[in-house]
Amino acid sequence: MTTAYLNRIATAVPDHDVHPAFVAFADSLLDAAPDRRSQPLFRRMASRSAIERRYSVLAPNEASTEFWVNAHEFYRRGAFPETSARMKIFETFAPVLARRTLDRLALSAHDRSTITHVIVTTCTGLYAPGLDFDIVDHLGLNPHVERTVIGFMGCYAAINGLKMARHIVRSEPSSRVLMVNLELCTLHLQETTDIEQVLSFLVFADGCAASIISAEPTGFALDSFRALTIPQTRDLITWKVRGLGFDMLLSGQVPGSIAQALEGGAADVLGYVKTGEIALWGVHPGGKSVLDAVQRGLALGEHALDASRDVLREFGNMSSATVMFVLQRLLASANAGEQGCAMSFGGPGLTAETMLFHAV
């Protein structure tokens, strides 16, 4: 059976570091919270978030230009934008970020002529003709290229994209798959005093990853995939389209549920490989508490999740793109033969998607 390989990865984020501005704005939403403990709790969690920078297509405090949108104009108290306005921003700026990322992938004319499939993952915006068309146009790909959009699968969508790419390459070994994972999470801030919703604003950011998957034996060999929906967690992560954007709930019970699932049956998530055999851990940094839960649940060493913690600190949680940022770092430093595990937890629903791989 043909082996599929993750050959290379490129990543990019928008220009604007908005983490301090978004934390201050989210804090201000709690001024009117009926529970006076909400604001101190938020400030305590913000100080412990382990995030230093997050990037957005929204400028934190600048006059609008033809290229960017002022967040203070976009998010006005008492007049948060409707979904249509948010989708207009997505349609305008998602292609810009995609082009920046694709240019960093540095595809030659030969590379472009041999791409047979395009896979796009996103859960933060949609339009048609969509990102898949924009990618094909920007790269000048063959008009016969096959396009697939994986939508609304949240933080674990990139693992599903890699899984689909592996199926394609194994069934058609001459295939070369381009995958793009793009999310503009900062377009979905909500005006609320619900502490769980406001806490979610601490972590989410915008970002994009692009990668090539083929039968060429370079990079990471994609060995196997495994999915597990954790029982009785259906409502812990929800993501619903509403009149004022996409409305997310990220329950504070998520880290505990992850730790419990891993402690009670790591084999359900990892399959046949033992944790001690894995040198490369590419865990989606859903937040500091999520990484702590994985480290505790699998009894990993102190530095096992350094790549994930670095990405969280530098970029925050960019939903489906984030695990690819982690894999990019692992790919740059891996030694041939090292075993790896990529893992994403996300929703809707609390599901673990796992990929086992090795460096070649």
Protein backbone atom coordinates (compact mmCIF):
# COMPACT_ATOMS: atom_id res chain seq x y z
CA MET A 1 0.00 0.00 0.00
CA THR A 2 1.32 3.45 -0.94
CA THR A 3 2.48 5.62 1.96
CA ALA A 4 1.37 9.26 2.09
CA TYR A 5 3.76 11.93 3.34
CA LEU A 6 3.31 15.41 4.71
CA ASN A 7 6.10 17.00 2.66
CA ARG A 8 6.13 20.63 3.76
CA ILE A 9 4.17 23.26 5.66
CA ALA A 10 3.98 27.06 5.47
CA THR A 11 2.15 29.32 7.93
CA ALA A 12 1.15 32.97 8.20
CA VAL A 13 -0.84 35.32 10.41
CA PRO A 14 -2.24 38.83 9.85
CA ASP A 15 -0.20 41.89 10.82
CA HIS A 16 -2.02 43.02 13.94
CA ASP A 17 -1.16 41.72 17.42
CA VAL A 18 -4.45 42.26 19.24
CA HIS A 19 -3.98 40.20 22.41
CA PRO A 20 -3.74 43.11 24.92
CA ALA A 21 -6.56 45.01 23.21
CA PHE A 22 -8.86 41.99 23.07
CA VAL A 23 -8.19 41.10 26.73
CA ALA A 24 -8.97 44.67 27.80
CA PHE A 25 -12.13 44.78 25.70
CA ALA A 26 -13.32 41.37 26.93
CA ASP A 27 -12.68 42.51 30.50
CA SER A 28 -14.83 45.60 29.90
CA LEU A 29 -17.74 43.42 28.82
CA LEU A 30 -17.89 42.08 32.37
CA ASP A 31 -18.40 45.54 33.92
CA ALA A 32 -22.13 44.82 33.90
CA ALA A 33 -21.91 41.13 34.85
CA PRO A 34 -24.53 40.23 37.49
CA ASP A 35 -22.01 38.01 39.25
CA ARG A 36 -19.34 40.35 40.64
CA ARG A 37 -16.90 37.43 40.80
CA SER A 38 -16.80 37.17 37.00
CA GLN A 39 -14.40 40.04 36.36
CA PRO A 40 -11.79 38.99 38.97
CA LEU A 41 -11.98 35.44 37.62
CA PHE A 42 -11.44 36.64 34.08
CA ARG A 43 -8.43 38.74 35.10
CA ARG A 44 -6.92 35.82 36.98
CA MET A 45 -7.40 33.51 33.99
CA ALA A 46 -5.99 36.13 31.61
CA SER A 47 -2.82 36.39 33.68
CA ARG A 48 -2.44 32.60 33.52
CA SER A 49 -3.31 32.11 29.84
CA ALA A 50 0.33 31.58 28.74
CA ILE A 51 -0.46 33.66 25.64
CA GLU A 52 1.64 36.70 24.76
CA ARG A 53 0.50 37.47 21.21
CA ARG A 54 -2.54 36.85 19.02
CA TYR A 55 -3.10 38.20 15.55
CA SER A 56 -6.19 39.49 13.75
CA VAL A 57 -7.23 41.04 10.46
CA LEU A 58 -8.82 43.71 12.67
CA ALA A 59 -6.54 46.59 13.70
CA PRO A 60 -6.68 47.12 17.48
CA ASN A 61 -6.70 50.93 17.49
CA GLU A 62 -6.04 52.48 14.11
CA ALA A 63 -7.97 54.40 11.51
CA SER A 64 -9.55 52.15 8.92
CA THR A 65 -7.76 51.74 5.62
CA GLU A 66 -8.68 49.97 2.44
CA PHE A 67 -6.63 47.00 3.68
CA TRP A 68 -7.69 46.63 7.32
CA VAL A 69 -10.68 47.26 9.55
CA ASN A 70 -10.52 49.08 12.87
CA ALA A 71 -11.72 46.75 15.61
CA HIS A 72 -13.14 49.70 17.53
CA GLU A 73 -15.37 50.51 14.58
CA PHE A 74 -16.25 46.86 14.02
CA TYR A 75 -17.08 46.07 17.66
CA ARG A 76 -19.06 49.03 19.02
CA ARG A 77 -20.76 48.51 22.37
CA GLY A 78 -24.48 48.14 21.87
CA ALA A 79 -24.07 47.67 18.11
CA PHE A 80 -22.04 44.53 17.45
CA PRO A 81 -22.01 43.60 13.74
CA GLU A 82 -24.50 41.23 12.19
CA THR A 83 -23.38 37.97 10.62
CA SER A 84 -23.52 39.49 7.13
CA ALA A 85 -20.97 42.17 8.11
CA ARG A 86 -18.67 39.56 9.62
CA MET A 87 -18.90 37.39 6.52
CA LYS A 88 -18.09 40.40 4.34
CA ILE A 89 -14.86 40.86 6.30
CA PHE A 90 -14.11 37.14 5.96
CA GLU A 91 -14.69 37.23 2.22
CA THR A 92 -12.40 40.26 1.90
CA PHE A 93 -9.49 39.19 4.09
CA ALA A 94 -9.45 35.38 4.08
CA PRO A 95 -8.07 35.32 0.49
CA VAL A 96 -5.40 37.87 1.47
CA LEU A 97 -4.15 35.65 4.29
CA ALA A 98 -4.39 32.55 2.09
CA ARG A 99 -2.25 34.19 -0.59
CA ARG A 100 0.35 35.23 1.98
CA THR A 101 0.59 31.65 3.22
CA LEU A 102 0.69 30.08 -0.23
CA ASP A 103 3.46 32.42 -1.30
CA ARG A 104 5.50 31.21 1.67
CA LEU A 105 4.98 27.62 0.54
CA ALA A 106 7.12 28.64 -2.46
CA LEU A 107 5.60 26.29 -5.02
CA SER A 108 7.50 26.08 -8.30
CA ALA A 109 5.77 26.02 -11.66
CA HIS A 110 6.26 22.25 -11.68
CA ASP A 111 4.75 21.96 -8.17
CA ARG A 112 1.68 23.88 -9.26
CA SER A 113 1.24 21.86 -12.44
CA THR A 114 1.25 18.58 -10.49
CA ILE A 115 -1.29 19.49 -7.79
CA THR A 116 -4.35 17.32 -8.30
CA HIS A 117 -6.45 18.08 -5.23
CA VAL A 118 -7.17 21.09 -3.01
CA ILE A 119 -8.58 20.64 0.50
CA VAL A 120 -9.70 23.66 2.55
CA THR A 121 -10.68 23.58 6.22
CA THR A 122 -12.44 26.48 7.92
CA CYS A 123 -15.20 26.99 10.46
CA THR A 124 -15.16 30.78 10.80
CA GLY A 125 -16.55 31.94 7.47
CA LEU A 126 -18.03 30.93 4.16
CA TYR A 127 -18.85 32.37 0.78
CA ALA A 128 -19.25 31.00 -2.75
CA PRO A 129 -17.35 30.87 -5.00
CA GLY A 130 -15.11 30.36 -2.00
CA LEU A 131 -11.57 30.03 -0.76
CA ASP A 132 -11.01 26.92 -2.85
CA PHE A 133 -11.63 28.94 -6.03
CA ASP A 134 -9.42 31.78 -4.80
CA ILE A 135 -6.58 29.34 -4.11
CA VAL A 136 -6.87 27.74 -7.55
CA ASP A 137 -6.90 31.17 -9.20
CA HIS A 138 -3.97 32.53 -7.20
CA LEU A 139 -1.73 29.55 -8.00
CA GLY A 140 -2.96 29.10 -11.56
CA LEU A 141 -3.79 25.46 -10.92
CA ASN A 142 -5.13 23.06 -13.53
CA PRO A 143 -8.87 23.63 -14.03
CA HIS A 144 -9.38 19.89 -13.51
CA VAL A 145 -8.06 20.06 -9.93
CA GLU A 146 -10.48 18.44 -7.47
CA ARG A 147 -11.66 20.69 -4.63
CA THR A 148 -13.04 19.75 -1.21
CA VAL A 149 -14.06 22.08 1.63
CA ILE A 150 -14.21 20.66 5.16
CA GLY A 151 -16.41 23.07 7.09
CA PHE A 152 -17.53 23.54 10.67
CA MET A 153 -15.38 20.79 12.19
CA GLY A 154 -13.60 23.21 14.49
CA CYS A 155 -10.13 22.73 15.90
CA TYR A 156 -9.66 19.13 14.74
CA ALA A 157 -10.49 19.78 11.07
CA ALA A 158 -6.84 19.78 9.93
CA ILE A 159 -6.41 16.21 11.15
CA ASN A 160 -9.47 15.26 9.11
CA GLY A 161 -7.97 17.09 6.13
CA LEU A 162 -4.74 15.11 6.47
CA LYS A 163 -6.77 11.93 6.77
CA MET A 164 -8.63 12.71 3.55
CA ALA A 165 -5.35 13.56 1.80
CA ARG A 166 -3.89 10.23 2.90
CA HIS A 167 -6.90 8.37 1.49
CA ILE A 168 -6.46 10.21 -1.82
CA VAL A 169 -2.74 9.45 -2.12
CA ARG A 170 -3.15 5.82 -1.11
CA SER A 171 -5.87 5.30 -3.71
CA GLU A 172 -4.17 7.38 -6.43
CA PRO A 173 -0.38 7.40 -5.78
CA SER A 174 0.31 10.07 -8.41
CA SER A 175 -1.86 12.58 -6.53
CA ARG A 176 -0.40 15.69 -4.92
CA VAL A 177 -2.73 17.32 -2.41
CA LEU A 178 -2.61 20.96 -1.34
CA MET A 179 -4.31 21.55 2.01
CA VAL A 180 -5.11 25.03 3.35
CA ASN A 181 -6.37 25.58 6.91
CA LEU A 182 -7.62 29.13 7.42
CA GLU A 183 -9.52 30.66 10.31
CA LEU A 184 -10.48 34.23 11.21
CA CYS A 185 -11.67 33.52 14.72
CA THR A 186 -11.55 37.15 15.87
CA LEU A 187 -14.55 37.97 13.69
CA HIS A 188 -16.86 36.28 16.17
CA LEU A 189 -16.50 38.23 19.40
CA GLN A 190 -19.85 38.45 21.18
CA GLU A 191 -21.22 41.17 23.44
CA THR A 192 -21.99 39.14 26.53
CA THR A 193 -21.50 38.92 30.28
CA ASP A 194 -21.43 35.11 30.25
CA ILE A 195 -18.08 34.27 31.84
CA GLU A 196 -17.52 31.06 29.83
CA GLN A 197 -18.05 32.90 26.57
CA VAL A 198 -15.86 35.81 27.60
CA LEU A 199 -13.10 33.43 28.68
CA SER A 200 -13.09 31.96 25.18
CA PHE A 201 -12.05 35.39 23.88
CA LEU A 202 -8.78 34.90 25.75
CA VAL A 203 -7.43 32.32 23.34
CA PHE A 204 -8.78 32.61 19.79
CA ALA A 205 -6.90 34.27 16.94
CA ASP A 206 -6.53 34.36 13.14
CA GLY A 207 -4.08 32.25 11.18
CA CYS A 208 -3.49 30.08 8.12
CA ALA A 209 -1.42 27.02 7.21
CA ALA A 210 -0.76 25.44 3.83
CA SER A 211 0.81 22.05 3.20
CA ILE A 212 1.60 19.49 0.52
CA ILE A 213 0.75 15.79 0.93
CA SER A 214 1.96 13.26 -1.63
CA ALA A 215 3.68 9.91 -2.11
CA GLU A 216 7.08 11.64 -2.27
CA PRO A 217 9.06 10.16 0.67
CA THR A 218 10.05 13.38 2.44
CA GLY A 219 8.82 14.94 5.66
CA PHE A 220 6.44 12.98 7.87
CA ALA A 221 5.00 9.61 6.85
CA LEU A 222 1.30 9.53 7.77
CA ASP A 223 0.97 6.14 9.46
CA SER A 224 -2.54 5.96 10.91
CA PHE A 225 -5.50 7.95 12.17
CA ARG A 226 -7.93 7.45 15.00
CA ALA A 227 -11.07 9.31 16.10
CA LEU A 228 -12.79 9.22 19.47
CA THR A 229 -15.88 11.13 20.53
CA ILE A 230 -15.70 11.38 24.30
CA PRO A 231 -19.01 10.17 25.79
CA GLN A 232 -21.38 12.64 27.45
CA THR A 233 -19.50 15.72 26.22
CA ARG A 234 -21.78 16.69 23.35
CA ASP A 235 -22.66 20.10 24.78
CA LEU A 236 -19.22 21.11 26.08
CA ILE A 237 -18.25 22.79 22.79
CA THR A 238 -20.91 24.30 20.57
CA TRP A 239 -20.60 26.54 17.49
CA LYS A 240 -23.81 27.92 16.04
CA VAL A 241 -24.61 30.47 13.34
CA ARG A 242 -26.69 33.28 14.82
CA GLY A 243 -27.77 36.74 13.72
CA LEU A 244 -24.73 38.37 15.31
CA GLY A 245 -22.03 36.03 14.05
CA PHE A 246 -21.08 32.51 15.07
CA ASP A 247 -21.92 31.93 18.71
CA MET A 248 -19.45 29.70 20.57
CA LEU A 249 -19.61 27.98 23.93
CA LEU A 250 -16.36 26.52 25.26
CA SER A 251 -17.12 24.92 28.61
CA GLY A 252 -14.68 25.06 31.48
CA GLN A 253 -15.25 21.30 31.83
CA VAL A 254 -13.32 20.56 28.63
CA PRO A 255 -9.81 20.15 30.15
CA GLY A 256 -11.09 17.87 32.91
CA SER A 257 -12.98 15.73 30.41
CA ILE A 258 -9.85 15.39 28.25
CA ALA A 259 -7.67 14.42 31.20
CA GLN A 260 -10.24 11.88 32.38
CA ALA A 261 -10.55 10.33 28.93
CA LEU A 262 -6.77 10.00 28.56
CA GLU A 263 -6.19 8.69 32.07
CA GLY A 264 -8.95 6.14 31.65
CA GLY A 265 -7.91 4.81 28.27
CA ALA A 266 -5.01 6.31 26.36
CA ALA A 267 -5.24 3.37 23.95
CA ASP A 268 -8.65 4.64 22.83
CA VAL A 269 -6.91 7.79 21.58
CA LEU A 270 -3.44 6.52 20.62
CA GLY A 271 -4.25 3.04 19.35
CA TYR A 272 -1.36 0.57 19.18
CA VAL A 273 1.52 2.95 20.07
CA LYS A 274 2.71 3.45 23.64
CA THR A 275 3.43 6.99 24.87
CA GLY A 276 7.05 6.09 25.59
CA GLU A 277 7.63 5.32 21.91
CA ILE A 278 6.63 8.82 20.80
CA ALA A 279 9.33 11.50 20.53
CA LEU A 280 7.33 14.13 18.62
CA TRP A 281 4.13 15.43 20.22
CA GLY A 282 2.03 17.74 18.03
CA VAL A 283 -0.91 18.51 20.30
CA HIS A 284 -3.34 21.24 19.33
CA PRO A 285 -2.90 24.06 21.88
CA GLY A 286 -6.54 24.72 22.64
CA GLY A 287 -5.40 26.58 25.74
CA LYS A 288 -2.94 26.18 28.59
CA SER A 289 -5.40 24.11 30.60
CA VAL A 290 -5.95 21.77 27.63
CA LEU A 291 -2.21 21.19 27.21
CA ASP A 292 -1.85 20.65 30.96
CA ALA A 293 -4.68 18.11 30.81
CA VAL A 294 -3.03 16.18 27.96
CA GLN A 295 0.34 16.21 29.69
CA ARG A 296 -1.22 14.99 32.93
CA GLY A 297 -3.54 12.46 31.30
CA LEU A 298 -0.75 10.81 29.28
CA ALA A 299 1.92 11.27 31.98
CA LEU A 300 4.24 13.05 29.52
CA GLY A 301 7.62 14.53 30.34
CA GLU A 302 8.13 18.17 31.24
CA HIS A 303 9.18 19.27 27.74
CA ALA A 304 7.05 16.92 25.61
CA LEU A 305 4.62 19.66 24.61
CA ASP A 306 7.13 22.49 24.19
CA ALA A 307 6.25 23.00 20.50
CA SER A 308 2.55 23.29 21.34
CA ARG A 309 3.20 25.68 24.22
CA ASP A 310 5.43 27.84 22.01
CA VAL A 311 2.69 28.15 19.37
CA LEU A 312 0.10 28.97 22.03
CA ARG A 313 2.34 31.67 23.48
CA GLU A 314 3.17 33.23 20.12
CA PHE A 315 -0.14 32.88 18.24
CA GLY A 316 -2.97 31.68 20.51
CA ASN A 317 -5.58 29.20 19.28
CA MET A 318 -6.26 29.59 15.54
CA SER A 319 -8.73 26.70 15.45
CA SER A 320 -8.01 24.26 12.59
CA ALA A 321 -4.75 25.94 11.51
CA THR A 322 -3.06 25.66 14.89
CA VAL A 323 -1.94 22.04 14.91
CA MET A 324 -0.24 22.65 11.56
CA PHE A 325 1.81 25.45 13.14
CA VAL A 326 2.94 22.88 15.72
CA LEU A 327 3.72 20.25 13.08
CA GLN A 328 5.72 22.83 11.12
CA ARG A 329 8.01 23.27 14.14
CA LEU A 330 8.37 19.54 14.66
CA LEU A 331 9.10 19.01 10.96
CA ALA A 332 11.95 21.53 11.10
CA SER A 333 13.73 19.73 13.96
CA ALA A 334 12.76 16.04 13.67
CA ASN A 335 15.34 13.29 13.25
CA ALA A 336 14.76 10.46 10.79
CA GLY A 337 12.91 7.55 12.35
CA GLU A 338 11.37 9.48 15.23
CA GLN A 339 7.77 8.53 15.98
CA GLY A 340 5.18 11.25 16.36
CA CYS A 341 1.61 11.84 17.43
CA ALA A 342 -0.57 14.77 16.34
CA MET A 343 -3.70 15.27 18.39
CA SER A 344 -6.55 17.76 18.26
CA PHE A 345 -9.50 18.12 20.60
CA GLY A 346 -12.40 20.18 19.44
CA GLY A 347 -16.01 20.55 18.58
CA PRO A 348 -18.78 20.84 17.94
CA GLY A 349 -18.95 18.00 20.41
CA LEU A 350 -15.77 16.99 22.25
CA THR A 351 -13.86 14.74 19.88
CA ALA A 352 -10.22 13.64 19.81
CA GLU A 353 -8.66 13.24 16.37
CA THR A 354 -5.25 11.57 16.43
CA MET A 355 -2.62 11.02 13.73
CA LEU A 356 0.44 8.80 14.19
CA PHE A 357 3.44 9.58 11.97
CA HIS A 358 7.18 9.19 11.71
CA ALA A 359 9.97 11.34 10.31
CA VAL A 360 11.76 10.11 7.17
